[in-house]
Structure formats: structure tokens, C-alpha cells
């Protein structure tokens, strides 16, 4: 007899995953807001962590999750549009993003923080808690790497090492499959060691 029950995932530890997301936020802010790195990284880390925890708490309520996504997307779009309309000299959000000018712009920086916090927070939660996929989770670290390459503002090697270490730590604490008729269970030690080895590779 065919079993049509949907696989449920549970057992993720939020803190290691949040540490990985914060490492991505720090690398990204170092790339596009280098002159004001510390305050921008702190604000983005807090906002990204809040978005992650919001979706983490609502992961079993798809309707509320969907409404929250739309609200956050509208907020990000509104801030980005407001930042672009504020200038009449041809400045645009995309110009700010892909040139990473040494001149800091508060409106564009705020738009970047909101937009990327939404992307990193939601995708980080989805591919670590709701439907764990380590390879897709790792793609988040490519955002600062690609922008750094595109803007020719070299990202120090220690940022890459920190992101890689936090990624391995996060992969050890992702959700695991749980039989639908039982409470949440955690994987055994051998499975965790195997996943750690694959993450390192």
C-alpha cells in the first residue's frame, strides 16, 4: 500500500543557522557599505535574525507566513522606490549596489539592508528549517562574493573562512525528517558526523 503522508521536518537549532546568516550579512555590508560597516552590519544582522525567527515561529502556519512575505516584500519595494525617487541626478539603487561607492548613502543603504535581510532571512529559514537543503543554503554566501567581485572591492579572505565555518556549523543543526505520527526526533550521532563531513567537502 502506497504511503501518501507528507514528510515533516523538525529539530532545527536556530542559533547556529542565525550565526551563518549573520556572517553573510557582515560580508555583504563590508562590500556595499564599507565606510559605515559596523552600524550597517549590526542593523542588518538584527533585522535578518528577526525575519528568520518570525518565519521559524510561523513555519506551521502557511497562511500567516504567506501574508508576512507579501508585507515584507511590499516594505522592501517601498523603501527601494522611495530611495530612487529621492534623487534627480540619475542616481539609482542599482548604481549604488553595483558600484559600491566609497560615498555612503543612508537611503540606499537602508533599502539594501531591508531587501537583503528579507532575502537572506526567508531563504535561510526555508532551506534550513522548512525544507532543509544545504546546497541552496550555501548559495546565500555567494551574494557578498558575487557583489564583491562585481564591484572590484576585494572581500578579505577571513570573511570567506568565517562564512564557511558558520555554514558547516549550521549544517550540523538543520531540520531532520520526522515521521508524521510521532513527536520530533533528532538524528543519531553517525548521521550528524556524515553530514558534517559532506558539508566540509
C-alpha atoms as a PDB file:
ATOM      1  CA  UNK A   1       0.000   0.000   0.000  1.00  0.00           C
ATOM      2  CA  UNK A   2       1.383   3.377  -1.036  1.00  0.00           C
ATOM      3  CA  UNK A   3       2.115   5.864   1.735  1.00  0.00           C
ATOM      4  CA  UNK A   4       0.987   9.367   0.737  1.00  0.00           C
ATOM      5  CA  UNK A   5       1.868  11.036   4.015  1.00  0.00           C
ATOM      6  CA  UNK A   6       3.951  14.170   3.629  1.00  0.00           C
ATOM      7  CA  UNK A   7       7.376  14.199   5.235  1.00  0.00           C
ATOM      8  CA  UNK A   8       7.603  16.672   8.096  1.00  0.00           C
ATOM      9  CA  UNK A   9      10.862  18.283   9.157  1.00  0.00           C
ATOM     10  CA  UNK A  10      11.697  19.423  12.654  1.00  0.00           C
ATOM     11  CA  UNK A  11      14.542  19.658  15.162  1.00  0.00           C
ATOM     12  CA  UNK A  12      16.462  22.622  13.729  1.00  0.00           C
ATOM     13  CA  UNK A  13      18.563  24.628  16.177  1.00  0.00           C
ATOM     14  CA  UNK A  14      18.066  28.327  15.310  1.00  0.00           C
ATOM     15  CA  UNK A  15      21.258  29.786  16.830  1.00  0.00           C
ATOM     16  CA  UNK A  16      23.832  28.047  14.561  1.00  0.00           C
ATOM     17  CA  UNK A  17      21.767  28.919  11.489  1.00  0.00           C
ATOM     18  CA  UNK A  18      21.438  32.546  12.612  1.00  0.00           C
ATOM     19  CA  UNK A  19      25.229  32.718  13.079  1.00  0.00           C
ATOM     20  CA  UNK A  20      25.676  31.679   9.453  1.00  0.00           C
ATOM     21  CA  UNK A  21      23.170  34.302   8.300  1.00  0.00           C
ATOM     22  CA  UNK A  22      24.941  36.968  10.379  1.00  0.00           C
ATOM     23  CA  UNK A  23      28.273  36.045   8.770  1.00  0.00           C
ATOM     24  CA  UNK A  24      26.675  36.550   5.339  1.00  0.00           C
ATOM     25  CA  UNK A  25      25.218  39.905   6.464  1.00  0.00           C
ATOM     26  CA  UNK A  26      28.610  41.081   7.723  1.00  0.00           C
ATOM     27  CA  UNK A  27      30.366  40.137   4.479  1.00  0.00           C
ATOM     28  CA  UNK A  28      27.649  41.850   2.432  1.00  0.00           C
ATOM     29  CA  UNK A  29      27.767  45.088   4.434  1.00  0.00           C
ATOM     30  CA  UNK A  30      31.560  45.117   4.224  1.00  0.00           C
ATOM     31  CA  UNK A  31      31.155  45.017   0.445  1.00  0.00           C
ATOM     32  CA  UNK A  32      28.466  47.638  -0.156  1.00  0.00           C
ATOM     33  CA  UNK A  33      28.615  49.851   2.965  1.00  0.00           C
ATOM     34  CA  UNK A  34      32.276  49.629   3.900  1.00  0.00           C
ATOM     35  CA  UNK A  35      32.606  53.178   5.218  1.00  0.00           C
ATOM     36  CA  UNK A  36      29.823  52.513   7.749  1.00  0.00           C
ATOM     37  CA  UNK A  37      30.399  48.794   8.120  1.00  0.00           C
ATOM     38  CA  UNK A  38      29.804  48.266  11.847  1.00  0.00           C
ATOM     39  CA  UNK A  39      26.439  50.035  12.276  1.00  0.00           C
ATOM     40  CA  UNK A  40      25.095  48.684   8.979  1.00  0.00           C
ATOM     41  CA  UNK A  41      26.216  45.132   9.798  1.00  0.00           C
ATOM     42  CA  UNK A  42      24.649  45.369  13.269  1.00  0.00           C
ATOM     43  CA  UNK A  43      21.306  46.636  11.931  1.00  0.00           C
ATOM     44  CA  UNK A  44      21.178  44.098   9.109  1.00  0.00           C
ATOM     45  CA  UNK A  45      22.135  41.226  11.408  1.00  0.00           C
ATOM     46  CA  UNK A  46      19.375  42.165  13.858  1.00  0.00           C
ATOM     47  CA  UNK A  47      16.759  42.565  11.099  1.00  0.00           C
ATOM     48  CA  UNK A  48      17.771  39.332   9.346  1.00  0.00           C
ATOM     49  CA  UNK A  49      17.687  37.408  12.633  1.00  0.00           C
ATOM     50  CA  UNK A  50      14.252  38.850  13.393  1.00  0.00           C
ATOM     51  CA  UNK A  51      12.901  37.831   9.978  1.00  0.00           C
ATOM     52  CA  UNK A  52      14.398  34.358  10.374  1.00  0.00           C
ATOM     53  CA  UNK A  53      12.812  33.922  13.812  1.00  0.00           C
ATOM     54  CA  UNK A  54       9.487  35.254  12.519  1.00  0.00           C
ATOM     55  CA  UNK A  55       9.313  32.561   9.852  1.00  0.00           C
ATOM     56  CA  UNK A  56      10.734  29.969  12.254  1.00  0.00           C
ATOM     57  CA  UNK A  57       7.902  30.591  14.722  1.00  0.00           C
ATOM     58  CA  UNK A  58       5.253  30.571  11.976  1.00  0.00           C
ATOM     59  CA  UNK A  59       6.566  27.603   9.995  1.00  0.00           C
ATOM     60  CA  UNK A  60       3.440  25.536  10.736  1.00  0.00           C
ATOM     61  CA  UNK A  61       1.081  28.376   9.712  1.00  0.00           C
ATOM     62  CA  UNK A  62       1.404  28.744   5.913  1.00  0.00           C
ATOM     63  CA  UNK A  63      -1.307  31.410   5.544  1.00  0.00           C
ATOM     64  CA  UNK A  64       0.302  33.730   8.106  1.00  0.00           C
ATOM     65  CA  UNK A  65       3.703  33.040   6.558  1.00  0.00           C
ATOM     66  CA  UNK A  66       2.436  33.998   3.094  1.00  0.00           C
ATOM     67  CA  UNK A  67       0.886  37.225   4.384  1.00  0.00           C
ATOM     68  CA  UNK A  68       4.133  38.090   6.162  1.00  0.00           C
ATOM     69  CA  UNK A  69       6.149  37.502   2.982  1.00  0.00           C
ATOM     70  CA  UNK A  70       3.907  39.855   0.987  1.00  0.00           C
ATOM     71  CA  UNK A  71       4.067  42.525   3.704  1.00  0.00           C
ATOM     72  CA  UNK A  72       7.868  42.365   3.857  1.00  0.00           C
ATOM     73  CA  UNK A  73       8.195  42.388   0.051  1.00  0.00           C
ATOM     74  CA  UNK A  74       5.990  45.488  -0.141  1.00  0.00           C
ATOM     75  CA  UNK A  75       8.065  47.163   2.571  1.00  0.00           C
ATOM     76  CA  UNK A  76      11.304  46.367   0.727  1.00  0.00           C
ATOM     77  CA  UNK A  77       9.864  47.568  -2.583  1.00  0.00           C
ATOM     78  CA  UNK A  78       8.575  50.761  -0.971  1.00  0.00           C
ATOM     79  CA  UNK A  79      11.909  51.652   0.612  1.00  0.00           C
ATOM     80  CA  UNK A  80      13.805  50.907  -2.607  1.00  0.00           C
ATOM     81  CA  UNK A  81      11.384  53.034  -4.647  1.00  0.00           C
ATOM     82  CA  UNK A  82      11.498  55.892  -2.153  1.00  0.00           C
ATOM     83  CA  UNK A  83      15.295  55.869  -2.220  1.00  0.00           C
ATOM     84  CA  UNK A  84      15.362  56.001  -6.044  1.00  0.00           C
ATOM     85  CA  UNK A  85      12.728  58.761  -6.278  1.00  0.00           C
ATOM     86  CA  UNK A  86      14.575  60.902  -3.755  1.00  0.00           C
ATOM     87  CA  UNK A  87      17.292  61.770  -6.252  1.00  0.00           C
ATOM     88  CA  UNK A  88      17.022  63.652  -9.547  1.00  0.00           C
ATOM     89  CA  UNK A  89      20.653  63.344 -10.627  1.00  0.00           C
ATOM     90  CA  UNK A  90      20.420  59.909 -12.176  1.00  0.00           C
ATOM     91  CA  UNK A  91      21.415  58.093  -9.009  1.00  0.00           C
ATOM     92  CA  UNK A  92      19.717  54.750  -8.580  1.00  0.00           C
ATOM     93  CA  UNK A  93      19.672  51.879  -6.154  1.00  0.00           C
ATOM     94  CA  UNK A  94      21.279  49.543  -8.694  1.00  0.00           C
ATOM     95  CA  UNK A  95      24.083  52.042  -9.305  1.00  0.00           C
ATOM     96  CA  UNK A  96      24.729  52.191  -5.572  1.00  0.00           C
ATOM     97  CA  UNK A  97      24.611  48.411  -5.300  1.00  0.00           C
ATOM     98  CA  UNK A  98      26.944  47.592  -8.178  1.00  0.00           C
ATOM     99  CA  UNK A  99      29.467  50.375  -7.841  1.00  0.00           C
ATOM    100  CA  UNK A 100      29.810  50.241  -4.042  1.00  0.00           C
ATOM    101  CA  UNK A 101      30.897  53.852  -3.993  1.00  0.00           C
ATOM    102  CA  UNK A 102      33.027  54.996  -1.090  1.00  0.00           C
ATOM    103  CA  UNK A 103      30.375  57.684  -0.579  1.00  0.00           C
ATOM    104  CA  UNK A 104      27.858  56.341   1.909  1.00  0.00           C
ATOM    105  CA  UNK A 105      24.186  56.969   1.159  1.00  0.00           C
ATOM    106  CA  UNK A 106      21.767  56.408   4.026  1.00  0.00           C
ATOM    107  CA  UNK A 107      18.609  55.869   1.934  1.00  0.00           C
ATOM    108  CA  UNK A 108      20.193  53.384  -0.454  1.00  0.00           C
ATOM    109  CA  UNK A 109      21.918  51.615   2.439  1.00  0.00           C
ATOM    110  CA  UNK A 110      18.575  51.309   4.267  1.00  0.00           C
ATOM    111  CA  UNK A 111      16.942  49.922   1.119  1.00  0.00           C
ATOM    112  CA  UNK A 112      19.773  47.389   0.681  1.00  0.00           C
ATOM    113  CA  UNK A 113      19.526  46.306   4.316  1.00  0.00           C
ATOM    114  CA  UNK A 114      15.753  45.744   4.157  1.00  0.00           C
ATOM    115  CA  UNK A 115      15.803  43.965   0.793  1.00  0.00           C
ATOM    116  CA  UNK A 116      18.736  41.677   1.562  1.00  0.00           C
ATOM    117  CA  UNK A 117      17.516  40.994   5.095  1.00  0.00           C
ATOM    118  CA  UNK A 118      14.249  39.728   3.637  1.00  0.00           C
ATOM    119  CA  UNK A 119      16.052  37.560   1.076  1.00  0.00           C
ATOM    120  CA  UNK A 120      18.611  36.117   3.495  1.00  0.00           C
ATOM    121  CA  UNK A 121      16.198  35.735   6.423  1.00  0.00           C
ATOM    122  CA  UNK A 122      13.447  33.973   4.491  1.00  0.00           C
ATOM    123  CA  UNK A 123      15.660  31.797   2.273  1.00  0.00           C
ATOM    124  CA  UNK A 124      17.823  30.942   5.271  1.00  0.00           C
ATOM    125  CA  UNK A 125      14.779  29.779   7.207  1.00  0.00           C
ATOM    126  CA  UNK A 126      13.225  27.918   4.297  1.00  0.00           C
ATOM    127  CA  UNK A 127      16.296  25.890   3.351  1.00  0.00           C
ATOM    128  CA  UNK A 128      17.347  25.130   6.920  1.00  0.00           C
ATOM    129  CA  UNK A 129      14.089  24.652   8.823  1.00  0.00           C
ATOM    130  CA  UNK A 130      11.112  24.163   6.497  1.00  0.00           C
ATOM    131  CA  UNK A 131      12.761  22.179   3.691  1.00  0.00           C
ATOM    132  CA  UNK A 132      16.434  21.666   4.602  1.00  0.00           C
ATOM    133  CA  UNK A 133      18.683  21.837   1.552  1.00  0.00           C
ATOM    134  CA  UNK A 134      22.328  22.589   2.499  1.00  0.00           C
ATOM    135  CA  UNK A 135      23.385  23.316  -1.089  1.00  0.00           C
ATOM    136  CA  UNK A 136      20.730  26.016  -1.514  1.00  0.00           C
ATOM    137  CA  UNK A 137      21.541  27.411   1.931  1.00  0.00           C
ATOM    138  CA  UNK A 138      25.182  27.715   0.887  1.00  0.00           C
ATOM    139  CA  UNK A 139      24.176  29.874  -2.099  1.00  0.00           C
ATOM    140  CA  UNK A 140      23.445  32.749   0.303  1.00  0.00           C
ATOM    141  CA  UNK A 141      27.187  33.144   0.866  1.00  0.00           C
ATOM    142  CA  UNK A 142      27.598  33.804  -2.865  1.00  0.00           C
ATOM    143  CA  UNK A 143      25.670  37.094  -2.610  1.00  0.00           C
ATOM    144  CA  UNK A 144      28.539  39.065  -0.992  1.00  0.00           C
ATOM    145  CA  UNK A 145      31.138  37.143  -3.000  1.00  0.00           C
ATOM    146  CA  UNK A 146      29.497  37.994  -6.336  1.00  0.00           C
ATOM    147  CA  UNK A 147      28.908  41.643  -5.391  1.00  0.00           C
ATOM    148  CA  UNK A 148      32.491  41.925  -4.180  1.00  0.00           C
ATOM    149  CA  UNK A 149      33.756  40.559  -7.490  1.00  0.00           C
ATOM    150  CA  UNK A 150      31.377  42.769  -9.496  1.00  0.00           C
ATOM    151  CA  UNK A 151      32.402  45.943  -7.656  1.00  0.00           C
ATOM    152  CA  UNK A 152      36.130  45.073  -7.615  1.00  0.00           C
ATOM    153  CA  UNK A 153      36.201  45.683  -3.871  1.00  0.00           C
ATOM    154  CA  UNK A 154      38.017  42.618  -2.677  1.00  0.00           C
ATOM    155  CA  UNK A 155      36.439  40.769   0.222  1.00  0.00           C
ATOM    156  CA  UNK A 156      39.100  39.726   2.752  1.00  0.00           C
ATOM    157  CA  UNK A 157      39.743  36.008   2.961  1.00  0.00           C
ATOM    158  CA  UNK A 158      38.740  35.850   6.629  1.00  0.00           C
ATOM    159  CA  UNK A 159      35.139  36.672   5.695  1.00  0.00           C
ATOM    160  CA  UNK A 160      35.052  33.631   3.398  1.00  0.00           C
ATOM    161  CA  UNK A 161      36.577  31.439   6.110  1.00  0.00           C
ATOM    162  CA  UNK A 162      34.078  32.671   8.705  1.00  0.00           C
ATOM    163  CA  UNK A 163      31.128  32.055   6.363  1.00  0.00           C
ATOM    164  CA  UNK A 164      32.408  28.569   5.541  1.00  0.00           C
ATOM    165  CA  UNK A 165      32.887  27.666   9.214  1.00  0.00           C
ATOM    166  CA  UNK A 166      29.447  29.002  10.148  1.00  0.00           C
ATOM    167  CA  UNK A 167      27.925  27.094   7.218  1.00  0.00           C
ATOM    168  CA  UNK A 168      29.355  23.804   8.468  1.00  0.00           C
ATOM    169  CA  UNK A 169      28.085  24.586  11.977  1.00  0.00           C
ATOM    170  CA  UNK A 170      24.632  25.408  10.570  1.00  0.00           C
ATOM    171  CA  UNK A 171      24.514  22.199   8.521  1.00  0.00           C
ATOM    172  CA  UNK A 172      25.000  20.175  11.676  1.00  0.00           C
ATOM    173  CA  UNK A 173      21.821  21.697  13.082  1.00  0.00           C
ATOM    174  CA  UNK A 174      19.302  21.681  10.222  1.00  0.00           C
ATOM    175  CA  UNK A 175      15.859  20.127  10.454  1.00  0.00           C
ATOM    176  CA  UNK A 176      15.599  16.376  10.056  1.00  0.00           C
ATOM    177  CA  UNK A 177      12.742  14.196   8.745  1.00  0.00           C
ATOM    178  CA  UNK A 178      10.163  13.305  11.379  1.00  0.00           C
ATOM    179  CA  UNK A 179       7.532  10.555  10.951  1.00  0.00           C
ATOM    180  CA  UNK A 180       4.124  12.256  10.788  1.00  0.00           C
ATOM    181  CA  UNK A 181       2.636  10.136  13.568  1.00  0.00           C
ATOM    182  CA  UNK A 182       5.370  10.820  16.148  1.00  0.00           C
ATOM    183  CA  UNK A 183       6.867  13.730  18.013  1.00  0.00           C
ATOM    184  CA  UNK A 184      10.005  15.450  16.780  1.00  0.00           C
ATOM    185  CA  UNK A 185      13.144  13.340  16.954  1.00  0.00           C
ATOM    186  CA  UNK A 186      16.798  14.162  16.422  1.00  0.00           C
ATOM    187  CA  UNK A 187      19.237  12.299  14.232  1.00  0.00           C
ATOM    188  CA  UNK A 188      21.814   9.998  15.741  1.00  0.00           C
ATOM    189  CA  UNK A 189      25.495  10.809  16.065  1.00  0.00           C
ATOM    190  CA  UNK A 190      26.632   8.850  12.982  1.00  0.00           C
ATOM    191  CA  UNK A 191      24.222  10.742  10.736  1.00  0.00           C
ATOM    192  CA  UNK A 192      25.419  14.071  12.113  1.00  0.00           C
ATOM    193  CA  UNK A 193      29.071  13.120  11.568  1.00  0.00           C
ATOM    194  CA  UNK A 194      28.325  12.059   7.996  1.00  0.00           C
ATOM    195  CA  UNK A 195      26.541  15.346   7.262  1.00  0.00           C
ATOM    196  CA  UNK A 196      29.412  17.316   8.814  1.00  0.00           C
ATOM    197  CA  UNK A 197      31.896  15.543   6.548  1.00  0.00           C
ATOM    198  CA  UNK A 198      29.775  16.264   3.477  1.00  0.00           C
ATOM    199  CA  UNK A 199      29.453  19.912   4.492  1.00  0.00           C
ATOM    200  CA  UNK A 200      33.218  20.249   4.848  1.00  0.00           C
ATOM    201  CA  UNK A 201      33.703  18.647   1.433  1.00  0.00           C
END
